[in-house]
N, C-alpha and C. Protein backbone atom coordinates (compact mmCIF):
# COMPACT_ATOMS: atom_id res chain seq x y z
N MET A 1 101.09 107.72 88.67
CA MET A 1 101.76 106.99 89.74
C MET A 1 100.89 105.82 90.17
N ALA A 2 101.53 104.71 90.47
CA ALA A 2 100.81 103.50 90.87
C ALA A 2 100.07 103.73 92.19
N ALA A 3 98.92 103.10 92.32
CA ALA A 3 98.15 103.21 93.55
C ALA A 3 98.96 102.66 94.72
N GLY A 4 98.88 103.35 95.84
CA GLY A 4 99.59 102.92 97.03
C GLY A 4 101.07 103.26 97.02
N MET A 5 101.49 104.10 96.06
CA MET A 5 102.90 104.49 95.95
C MET A 5 102.99 106.01 95.98
N ARG A 6 104.09 106.48 96.53
CA ARG A 6 104.36 107.92 96.50
C ARG A 6 105.79 108.14 96.03
N GLN A 7 106.00 109.28 95.39
CA GLN A 7 107.34 109.58 94.89
C GLN A 7 108.24 109.96 96.06
N LYS A 8 109.36 109.27 96.17
CA LYS A 8 110.32 109.56 97.22
C LYS A 8 111.45 110.45 96.70
N ALA A 9 111.92 110.17 95.49
CA ALA A 9 113.03 110.95 94.93
C ALA A 9 113.09 110.78 93.43
N GLN A 10 113.63 111.78 92.76
CA GLN A 10 113.97 111.65 91.34
C GLN A 10 115.48 111.46 91.30
N ILE A 11 115.94 110.37 90.68
CA ILE A 11 117.37 110.09 90.69
C ILE A 11 118.06 110.43 89.37
N LEU A 12 117.30 110.45 88.28
CA LEU A 12 117.84 110.90 87.00
C LEU A 12 116.79 111.71 86.26
N ASP A 13 117.24 112.78 85.60
CA ASP A 13 116.37 113.53 84.71
C ASP A 13 116.75 113.17 83.28
N LYS A 14 116.16 113.86 82.30
CA LYS A 14 116.41 113.56 80.90
C LYS A 14 117.90 113.62 80.56
N GLU A 15 118.57 114.66 81.02
CA GLU A 15 120.00 114.81 80.73
C GLU A 15 120.84 113.76 81.45
N GLY A 16 120.45 113.39 82.66
CA GLY A 16 121.15 112.35 83.40
C GLY A 16 121.05 110.99 82.70
N ILE A 17 119.88 110.69 82.15
CA ILE A 17 119.69 109.45 81.41
C ILE A 17 120.59 109.47 80.17
N ARG A 18 120.60 110.60 79.45
CA ARG A 18 121.42 110.71 78.25
C ARG A 18 122.90 110.51 78.57
N ARG A 19 123.38 111.18 79.61
CA ARG A 19 124.79 111.04 79.99
C ARG A 19 125.14 109.61 80.36
N ALA A 20 124.27 108.95 81.11
CA ALA A 20 124.52 107.55 81.50
C ALA A 20 124.60 106.66 80.27
N LEU A 21 123.71 106.86 79.31
CA LEU A 21 123.71 106.02 78.11
C LEU A 21 124.91 106.30 77.21
N VAL A 22 125.32 107.56 77.11
CA VAL A 22 126.52 107.88 76.32
C VAL A 22 127.75 107.21 76.95
N ARG A 23 127.83 107.24 78.26
CA ARG A 23 128.96 106.59 78.95
C ARG A 23 128.94 105.08 78.71
N ILE A 24 127.76 104.47 78.82
CA ILE A 24 127.64 103.03 78.56
C ILE A 24 128.05 102.72 77.12
N ALA A 25 127.65 103.54 76.16
CA ALA A 25 128.03 103.33 74.75
C ALA A 25 129.55 103.33 74.61
N HIS A 26 130.21 104.30 75.25
CA HIS A 26 131.68 104.34 75.21
C HIS A 26 132.28 103.09 75.84
N GLU A 27 131.72 102.64 76.96
CA GLU A 27 132.24 101.45 77.64
C GLU A 27 132.05 100.19 76.79
N ILE A 28 130.93 100.08 76.10
CA ILE A 28 130.68 98.93 75.23
C ILE A 28 131.73 98.89 74.12
N ILE A 29 131.98 100.02 73.50
CA ILE A 29 132.98 100.11 72.43
C ILE A 29 134.36 99.76 72.96
N GLU A 30 134.71 100.33 74.11
CA GLU A 30 136.04 100.09 74.68
C GLU A 30 136.24 98.62 75.05
N ARG A 31 135.29 98.03 75.77
CA ARG A 31 135.44 96.65 76.23
C ARG A 31 135.50 95.67 75.06
N ASN A 32 134.77 95.97 73.97
CA ASN A 32 134.72 95.07 72.83
C ASN A 32 135.71 95.45 71.73
N LYS A 33 136.58 96.42 72.01
CA LYS A 33 137.61 96.87 71.07
C LYS A 33 136.99 97.24 69.73
N GLY A 34 135.94 98.05 69.80
CA GLY A 34 135.23 98.47 68.60
C GLY A 34 133.84 97.86 68.57
N THR A 35 133.29 97.77 67.36
CA THR A 35 131.91 97.30 67.23
C THR A 35 131.77 96.02 66.40
N GLU A 36 132.87 95.45 65.96
CA GLU A 36 132.79 94.26 65.13
C GLU A 36 132.15 93.10 65.89
N ASN A 37 131.13 92.52 65.27
CA ASN A 37 130.36 91.39 65.84
C ASN A 37 129.57 91.76 67.09
N VAL A 38 129.44 93.05 67.41
CA VAL A 38 128.63 93.48 68.55
C VAL A 38 127.19 93.68 68.08
N ALA A 39 126.24 93.19 68.87
CA ALA A 39 124.82 93.40 68.61
C ALA A 39 124.13 93.70 69.93
N LEU A 40 123.12 94.53 69.88
CA LEU A 40 122.35 94.92 71.07
C LEU A 40 120.99 94.23 71.04
N ILE A 41 120.55 93.75 72.20
CA ILE A 41 119.21 93.18 72.31
C ILE A 41 118.54 93.81 73.53
N GLY A 42 117.44 94.52 73.28
CA GLY A 42 116.68 95.15 74.35
C GLY A 42 115.60 94.22 74.86
N ILE A 43 115.48 94.13 76.18
CA ILE A 43 114.43 93.32 76.80
C ILE A 43 113.15 94.16 76.83
N GLN A 44 112.06 93.56 76.32
CA GLN A 44 110.77 94.26 76.36
C GLN A 44 110.45 94.63 77.80
N ARG A 45 110.20 95.71 78.13
CA ARG A 45 109.59 96.80 77.47
C ARG A 45 110.57 97.95 77.39
N ARG A 46 111.09 98.44 78.47
CA ARG A 46 111.92 99.64 78.40
C ARG A 46 113.36 99.39 77.96
N GLY A 47 113.79 98.15 77.93
CA GLY A 47 115.11 97.86 77.40
C GLY A 47 115.18 98.10 75.90
N VAL A 48 114.03 98.06 75.23
CA VAL A 48 113.98 98.22 73.78
C VAL A 48 114.36 99.66 73.36
N PRO A 49 113.70 100.69 73.90
CA PRO A 49 114.12 102.04 73.51
C PRO A 49 115.54 102.36 73.99
N LEU A 50 115.95 101.79 75.12
CA LEU A 50 117.33 102.03 75.58
C LEU A 50 118.32 101.42 74.60
N ALA A 51 118.02 100.24 74.05
CA ALA A 51 118.90 99.63 73.05
C ALA A 51 118.97 100.50 71.81
N GLY A 52 117.84 101.03 71.38
CA GLY A 52 117.82 101.91 70.22
C GLY A 52 118.66 103.16 70.43
N ARG A 53 118.56 103.73 71.61
CA ARG A 53 119.36 104.92 71.92
C ARG A 53 120.85 104.58 71.96
N LEU A 54 121.19 103.46 72.59
CA LEU A 54 122.60 103.05 72.64
C LEU A 54 123.15 102.83 71.23
N CYS A 55 122.35 102.24 70.36
CA CYS A 55 122.76 102.05 68.97
C CYS A 55 123.08 103.41 68.34
N GLY A 56 122.23 104.39 68.56
CA GLY A 56 122.46 105.73 68.02
C GLY A 56 123.73 106.37 68.56
N TYR A 57 123.98 106.24 69.86
CA TYR A 57 125.19 106.81 70.45
C TYR A 57 126.44 106.10 69.95
N ILE A 58 126.37 104.78 69.81
CA ILE A 58 127.52 104.03 69.29
C ILE A 58 127.81 104.48 67.85
N GLU A 59 126.76 104.68 67.07
CA GLU A 59 126.94 105.15 65.69
C GLU A 59 127.58 106.54 65.67
N GLU A 60 127.13 107.43 66.54
CA GLU A 60 127.74 108.77 66.63
C GLU A 60 129.22 108.69 66.97
N ILE A 61 129.59 107.80 67.87
CA ILE A 61 130.97 107.70 68.35
C ILE A 61 131.86 106.99 67.33
N GLU A 62 131.39 105.87 66.79
CA GLU A 62 132.22 105.01 65.93
C GLU A 62 131.96 105.18 64.44
N GLY A 63 130.82 105.77 64.08
CA GLY A 63 130.48 105.89 62.67
C GLY A 63 130.00 104.58 62.07
N LYS A 64 129.65 103.62 62.92
CA LYS A 64 129.18 102.31 62.46
C LYS A 64 127.89 101.97 63.20
N THR A 65 126.98 101.32 62.48
CA THR A 65 125.72 100.90 63.09
C THR A 65 125.83 99.45 63.54
N VAL A 66 125.39 99.18 64.76
CA VAL A 66 125.34 97.80 65.26
C VAL A 66 123.90 97.31 65.16
N PRO A 67 123.71 96.01 64.90
CA PRO A 67 122.35 95.48 64.83
C PRO A 67 121.66 95.54 66.20
N VAL A 68 120.33 95.72 66.14
CA VAL A 68 119.53 95.80 67.37
C VAL A 68 118.37 94.82 67.27
N GLY A 69 118.15 94.07 68.35
CA GLY A 69 117.03 93.15 68.41
C GLY A 69 116.14 93.46 69.60
N VAL A 70 114.96 92.83 69.60
CA VAL A 70 113.95 93.01 70.64
C VAL A 70 113.62 91.63 71.20
N LEU A 71 113.63 91.52 72.53
CA LEU A 71 113.42 90.22 73.17
C LEU A 71 112.26 90.29 74.16
N ASP A 72 111.29 89.39 73.97
CA ASP A 72 110.21 89.24 74.94
C ASP A 72 110.51 87.99 75.76
N ILE A 73 110.63 88.15 77.06
CA ILE A 73 111.01 87.03 77.93
C ILE A 73 109.83 86.46 78.70
N THR A 74 108.63 86.90 78.38
CA THR A 74 107.44 86.52 79.16
C THR A 74 107.34 85.01 79.40
N LEU A 75 107.47 84.23 78.33
CA LEU A 75 107.28 82.78 78.47
C LEU A 75 108.46 82.08 79.13
N TYR A 76 109.55 82.81 79.36
CA TYR A 76 110.73 82.24 80.02
C TYR A 76 110.78 82.56 81.51
N ARG A 77 109.83 83.35 81.98
CA ARG A 77 109.85 83.76 83.39
C ARG A 77 109.54 82.61 84.32
N ASP A 78 110.16 82.61 85.49
CA ASP A 78 109.88 81.55 86.48
C ASP A 78 108.68 81.89 87.35
N ASP A 79 108.13 83.09 87.17
CA ASP A 79 106.95 83.50 87.93
C ASP A 79 105.74 83.70 87.02
N LEU A 80 105.75 83.07 85.86
CA LEU A 80 104.71 83.28 84.85
C LEU A 80 103.31 83.03 85.40
N THR A 81 103.13 81.99 86.19
CA THR A 81 101.80 81.67 86.69
C THR A 81 101.30 82.67 87.73
N THR A 82 102.20 83.42 88.33
CA THR A 82 101.76 84.41 89.32
C THR A 82 101.49 85.77 88.69
N LEU A 83 101.92 85.96 87.45
CA LEU A 83 101.75 87.26 86.80
C LEU A 83 100.30 87.53 86.42
N SER A 84 99.72 86.58 85.72
CA SER A 84 98.38 86.79 85.20
C SER A 84 97.87 85.47 84.63
N HIS A 85 96.57 85.33 84.59
CA HIS A 85 95.99 84.15 83.95
C HIS A 85 96.29 84.15 82.46
N GLN A 86 96.29 85.32 81.85
CA GLN A 86 96.60 85.51 80.44
C GLN A 86 97.73 86.53 80.32
N PRO A 87 99.00 86.11 80.44
CA PRO A 87 100.10 87.06 80.37
C PRO A 87 100.15 87.75 79.01
N LEU A 88 100.52 89.01 79.01
CA LEU A 88 100.62 89.80 77.79
C LEU A 88 101.94 89.47 77.09
N LEU A 89 101.83 88.91 75.89
CA LEU A 89 103.02 88.59 75.11
C LEU A 89 103.33 89.76 74.19
N ARG A 90 104.60 90.09 74.13
CA ARG A 90 105.06 91.14 73.24
C ARG A 90 105.94 90.50 72.18
N GLN A 91 106.43 91.31 71.30
CA GLN A 91 107.18 90.81 70.16
C GLN A 91 108.64 90.51 70.49
N THR A 92 109.14 89.40 69.96
CA THR A 92 110.58 89.15 69.89
C THR A 92 110.96 89.31 68.43
N ASN A 93 111.96 90.12 68.17
CA ASN A 93 112.44 90.33 66.81
C ASN A 93 113.95 90.50 66.86
N VAL A 94 114.65 89.43 66.59
CA VAL A 94 116.11 89.48 66.53
C VAL A 94 116.47 89.17 65.08
N PRO A 95 116.63 90.23 64.25
CA PRO A 95 116.77 90.05 62.80
C PRO A 95 118.19 89.74 62.34
N PHE A 96 118.96 89.11 63.18
CA PHE A 96 120.34 88.75 62.85
C PHE A 96 120.65 87.45 63.57
N PRO A 97 121.58 86.66 63.04
CA PRO A 97 121.97 85.44 63.76
C PRO A 97 122.78 85.81 65.00
N VAL A 98 122.48 85.19 66.12
CA VAL A 98 123.23 85.48 67.35
C VAL A 98 124.52 84.66 67.44
N LYS A 99 124.61 83.63 66.60
CA LYS A 99 125.79 82.75 66.63
C LYS A 99 127.08 83.56 66.46
N ASP A 100 128.00 83.36 67.39
CA ASP A 100 129.32 84.00 67.39
C ASP A 100 129.30 85.52 67.58
N LYS A 101 128.15 86.10 67.91
CA LYS A 101 128.08 87.54 68.16
C LYS A 101 128.44 87.87 69.60
N LYS A 102 128.86 89.10 69.81
CA LYS A 102 129.02 89.66 71.15
C LYS A 102 127.70 90.37 71.44
N ILE A 103 126.84 89.72 72.19
CA ILE A 103 125.50 90.25 72.47
C ILE A 103 125.55 91.11 73.73
N VAL A 104 125.02 92.33 73.62
CA VAL A 104 124.84 93.17 74.80
C VAL A 104 123.34 93.21 75.07
N LEU A 105 122.94 92.57 76.16
CA LEU A 105 121.55 92.51 76.60
C LEU A 105 121.27 93.78 77.40
N ILE A 106 120.14 94.44 77.10
CA ILE A 106 119.87 95.74 77.72
C ILE A 106 118.53 95.73 78.42
N ASP A 107 118.54 96.21 79.68
CA ASP A 107 117.31 96.36 80.45
C ASP A 107 117.36 97.68 81.21
N ASP A 108 116.20 98.12 81.66
CA ASP A 108 116.16 99.41 82.37
C ASP A 108 116.65 99.28 83.81
N VAL A 109 116.19 98.24 84.52
CA VAL A 109 116.55 98.08 85.94
C VAL A 109 116.95 96.63 86.17
N ILE A 110 118.06 96.42 86.85
CA ILE A 110 118.41 95.07 87.30
C ILE A 110 118.14 95.02 88.80
N TYR A 111 117.41 93.99 89.20
CA TYR A 111 116.96 93.87 90.58
C TYR A 111 117.33 92.47 91.09
N THR A 112 116.45 91.50 91.00
CA THR A 112 116.73 90.17 91.55
C THR A 112 117.63 89.34 90.64
N GLY A 113 117.64 89.65 89.36
CA GLY A 113 118.40 88.88 88.38
C GLY A 113 117.55 87.88 87.63
N ARG A 114 116.28 87.74 88.02
CA ARG A 114 115.42 86.73 87.40
C ARG A 114 115.04 87.10 85.96
N THR A 115 114.85 88.36 85.67
CA THR A 115 114.57 88.78 84.29
C THR A 115 115.77 88.45 83.40
N VAL A 116 116.96 88.71 83.90
CA VAL A 116 118.17 88.43 83.13
C VAL A 116 118.30 86.92 82.89
N ARG A 117 118.01 86.10 83.89
CA ARG A 117 118.07 84.66 83.71
C ARG A 117 117.13 84.21 82.61
N ALA A 118 115.92 84.76 82.61
CA ALA A 118 114.95 84.42 81.58
C ALA A 118 115.45 84.88 80.20
N ALA A 119 116.04 86.05 80.14
CA ALA A 119 116.55 86.58 78.87
C ALA A 119 117.70 85.73 78.34
N LEU A 120 118.55 85.25 79.23
CA LEU A 120 119.65 84.37 78.80
C LEU A 120 119.10 83.10 78.17
N ASP A 121 118.08 82.52 78.80
CA ASP A 121 117.45 81.32 78.23
C ASP A 121 116.87 81.62 76.85
N ALA A 122 116.21 82.76 76.70
CA ALA A 122 115.60 83.13 75.43
C ALA A 122 116.65 83.33 74.35
N ILE A 123 117.76 83.97 74.68
CA ILE A 123 118.83 84.19 73.70
C ILE A 123 119.46 82.87 73.28
N ILE A 124 119.74 82.01 74.23
CA ILE A 124 120.36 80.72 73.91
C ILE A 124 119.45 79.90 72.99
N ASP A 125 118.13 80.06 73.12
CA ASP A 125 117.21 79.37 72.21
C ASP A 125 117.36 79.87 70.77
N LEU A 126 117.92 81.06 70.59
CA LEU A 126 118.12 81.63 69.25
C LEU A 126 119.46 81.21 68.63
N GLY A 127 120.38 80.72 69.44
CA GLY A 127 121.70 80.33 68.94
C GLY A 127 122.73 80.50 70.04
N ARG A 128 124.00 80.31 69.67
CA ARG A 128 125.06 80.40 70.67
C ARG A 128 125.98 81.59 70.39
N PRO A 129 125.77 82.67 71.13
CA PRO A 129 126.64 83.84 70.95
C PRO A 129 128.06 83.55 71.47
N ARG A 130 129.02 84.33 71.03
CA ARG A 130 130.38 84.20 71.56
C ARG A 130 130.40 84.63 73.03
N ILE A 131 129.69 85.72 73.33
CA ILE A 131 129.64 86.23 74.70
C ILE A 131 128.32 86.99 74.86
N ILE A 132 127.80 87.01 76.08
CA ILE A 132 126.64 87.84 76.40
C ILE A 132 127.05 88.77 77.52
N GLN A 133 126.87 90.06 77.28
CA GLN A 133 127.14 91.08 78.30
C GLN A 133 125.81 91.71 78.68
N LEU A 134 125.79 92.35 79.84
CA LEU A 134 124.55 92.94 80.35
C LEU A 134 124.76 94.42 80.63
N ALA A 135 123.83 95.23 80.11
CA ALA A 135 123.81 96.67 80.40
C ALA A 135 122.47 97.01 81.05
N ALA A 136 122.52 97.78 82.13
CA ALA A 136 121.31 98.22 82.82
C ALA A 136 121.43 99.71 83.13
N LEU A 137 120.37 100.44 82.90
CA LEU A 137 120.38 101.86 83.24
C LEU A 137 120.52 102.02 84.75
N ILE A 138 119.79 101.20 85.51
CA ILE A 138 119.81 101.28 86.98
C ILE A 138 120.08 99.89 87.57
N ASP A 139 121.00 99.83 88.52
CA ASP A 139 121.21 98.62 89.32
C ASP A 139 120.77 98.95 90.73
N ARG A 140 119.71 98.29 91.20
CA ARG A 140 119.17 98.61 92.53
C ARG A 140 119.53 97.60 93.59
N GLY A 141 120.35 96.59 93.24
CA GLY A 141 120.76 95.61 94.24
C GLY A 141 119.70 94.56 94.49
N HIS A 142 119.83 93.85 95.60
CA HIS A 142 118.87 92.82 96.05
C HIS A 142 118.85 91.59 95.15
N ARG A 143 120.01 91.13 94.68
CA ARG A 143 120.07 89.96 93.81
C ARG A 143 119.61 88.70 94.51
N GLU A 144 118.87 87.88 93.78
CA GLU A 144 118.49 86.54 94.22
C GLU A 144 119.25 85.50 93.43
N LEU A 145 119.85 85.91 92.32
CA LEU A 145 120.63 85.02 91.46
C LEU A 145 122.01 85.65 91.25
N PRO A 146 123.02 84.84 90.95
CA PRO A 146 124.38 85.37 90.78
C PRO A 146 124.55 86.04 89.42
N VAL A 147 123.97 87.23 89.28
CA VAL A 147 123.98 87.99 88.04
C VAL A 147 124.55 89.38 88.33
N ARG A 148 125.44 89.84 87.45
CA ARG A 148 126.03 91.17 87.61
C ARG A 148 126.05 91.86 86.26
N ALA A 149 125.70 93.13 86.23
CA ALA A 149 125.72 93.90 84.98
C ALA A 149 127.16 94.29 84.64
N ASP A 150 127.48 94.21 83.35
CA ASP A 150 128.79 94.65 82.86
C ASP A 150 128.84 96.16 82.73
N TYR A 151 127.70 96.76 82.43
CA TYR A 151 127.60 98.20 82.22
C TYR A 151 126.40 98.71 83.02
N VAL A 152 126.63 99.72 83.86
CA VAL A 152 125.56 100.26 84.71
C VAL A 152 125.55 101.78 84.59
N GLY A 153 124.37 102.32 84.34
CA GLY A 153 124.23 103.77 84.29
C GLY A 153 124.34 104.39 85.66
N LYS A 154 123.65 103.80 86.63
CA LYS A 154 123.68 104.33 88.00
C LYS A 154 123.33 103.21 88.97
N ASN A 155 124.12 103.08 90.03
CA ASN A 155 123.81 102.17 91.13
C ASN A 155 122.96 102.93 92.13
N VAL A 156 121.81 102.35 92.49
CA VAL A 156 120.88 103.00 93.40
C VAL A 156 120.48 102.01 94.47
N PRO A 157 121.11 102.05 95.65
CA PRO A 157 120.69 101.16 96.73
C PRO A 157 119.24 101.48 97.13
N THR A 158 118.44 100.44 97.27
CA THR A 158 117.03 100.64 97.60
C THR A 158 116.64 99.69 98.73
N SER A 159 115.50 99.98 99.32
CA SER A 159 114.93 99.07 100.31
C SER A 159 113.85 98.24 99.64
N GLY A 160 113.37 97.23 100.33
CA GLY A 160 112.31 96.39 99.80
C GLY A 160 110.99 97.11 99.62
N ARG A 161 110.83 98.24 100.31
CA ARG A 161 109.59 99.03 100.20
C ARG A 161 109.61 99.97 99.00
N GLU A 162 110.77 100.07 98.37
CA GLU A 162 110.92 101.02 97.27
C GLU A 162 110.85 100.34 95.91
N VAL A 163 110.46 101.12 94.93
CA VAL A 163 110.39 100.67 93.54
C VAL A 163 111.13 101.71 92.70
N VAL A 164 111.95 101.25 91.77
CA VAL A 164 112.60 102.16 90.83
C VAL A 164 111.73 102.21 89.58
N ALA A 165 111.27 103.41 89.23
CA ALA A 165 110.39 103.60 88.08
C ALA A 165 111.15 104.37 87.00
N VAL A 166 111.49 103.67 85.92
CA VAL A 166 112.12 104.33 84.78
C VAL A 166 111.01 104.79 83.85
N ARG A 167 111.02 106.05 83.52
CA ARG A 167 110.03 106.63 82.63
C ARG A 167 110.76 107.15 81.39
N LEU A 168 110.41 106.59 80.23
CA LEU A 168 111.06 106.98 78.99
C LEU A 168 110.03 107.60 78.04
N GLN A 169 110.49 108.54 77.24
CA GLN A 169 109.61 109.23 76.31
C GLN A 169 108.85 108.24 75.42
N GLU A 170 109.54 107.22 74.93
CA GLU A 170 108.94 106.27 74.00
C GLU A 170 107.81 105.44 74.61
N THR A 171 107.86 105.18 75.90
CA THR A 171 106.86 104.32 76.53
C THR A 171 105.94 105.06 77.50
N ASP A 172 106.41 106.19 78.04
CA ASP A 172 105.67 106.85 79.12
C ASP A 172 105.41 108.34 78.89
N ASN A 173 105.88 108.87 77.76
CA ASN A 173 105.73 110.29 77.43
C ASN A 173 106.34 111.22 78.47
N GLU A 174 107.35 110.73 79.16
CA GLU A 174 108.16 111.56 80.06
C GLU A 174 109.52 110.92 80.19
N GLU A 175 110.47 111.64 80.76
CA GLU A 175 111.85 111.18 80.77
C GLU A 175 112.46 111.44 82.14
N ARG A 176 112.48 110.40 82.98
CA ARG A 176 113.10 110.51 84.30
C ARG A 176 113.11 109.16 84.98
N VAL A 177 113.89 109.06 86.04
CA VAL A 177 113.94 107.85 86.85
C VAL A 177 113.60 108.26 88.27
N LEU A 178 112.62 107.56 88.84
CA LEU A 178 112.12 107.89 90.18
C LEU A 178 112.30 106.72 91.13
N ILE A 179 112.39 107.05 92.40
CA ILE A 179 112.22 106.04 93.45
C ILE A 179 110.84 106.30 94.04
N LEU A 180 110.02 105.25 93.99
CA LEU A 180 108.70 105.31 94.59
C LEU A 180 108.72 104.48 95.86
N GLU A 181 107.90 104.87 96.83
CA GLU A 181 107.84 104.13 98.08
C GLU A 181 106.41 103.72 98.34
N LYS A 182 106.24 102.49 98.83
CA LYS A 182 104.92 102.00 99.17
C LYS A 182 104.40 102.76 100.38
N ASP A 183 103.12 103.15 100.30
CA ASP A 183 102.49 103.87 101.44
C ASP A 183 102.31 102.97 102.63
C-alpha cells in the first residue's frame, strides 16, 4: 500500500473483475455487430492485461480472435514535466493498421479524462480509425475533459481524497480493486 494511504474498501474481487470483463466483452460484440474490423488497444500499464483478457473472452464468445495492441501514452501527456525529470517510457506495439478499424481503447480507471485524451492523440498518430470506443474497468467520475466511456465495468463515485487502486495478477500478483484514502 502506498505511503500515507489506507484501505477504505474493496469494491471488486477476482470474480467481480472477471464478471465485469465478460459483460464488457459481450457489449463490445453487441455494439459492433460482431468482431469484424474490431481491434483492442490497452493503455500501458494495466489496460494491457485487461485488453488481453477481453480478447480471450471475445474469442470464447464469438470463436474469433481480435487483434490486440499496446499503447504507451507517456510522451502525449499534458503533465509530462510534472511526472518526473526522466519519465519511464514503456512499449507501444500496435501490430496492425488502425486505418478503418473499430478501435476499443482499454484502461483500468477513467478519472479526469486526460489519459484518454493523450491516448486518442497517440492512436491518431498511427492512422485514422473508423471509430474509437473506450472501455474502462472502473469509472470514478471527476472529469476535467468531455470524455465518457462506452463500456464500464463498475461506476464508483469517489471523493478527491480517495484513490482507486486496480490490482491485477499480471502486474501486481493479486486480483482486486480497492478504494484507498489519504491519511
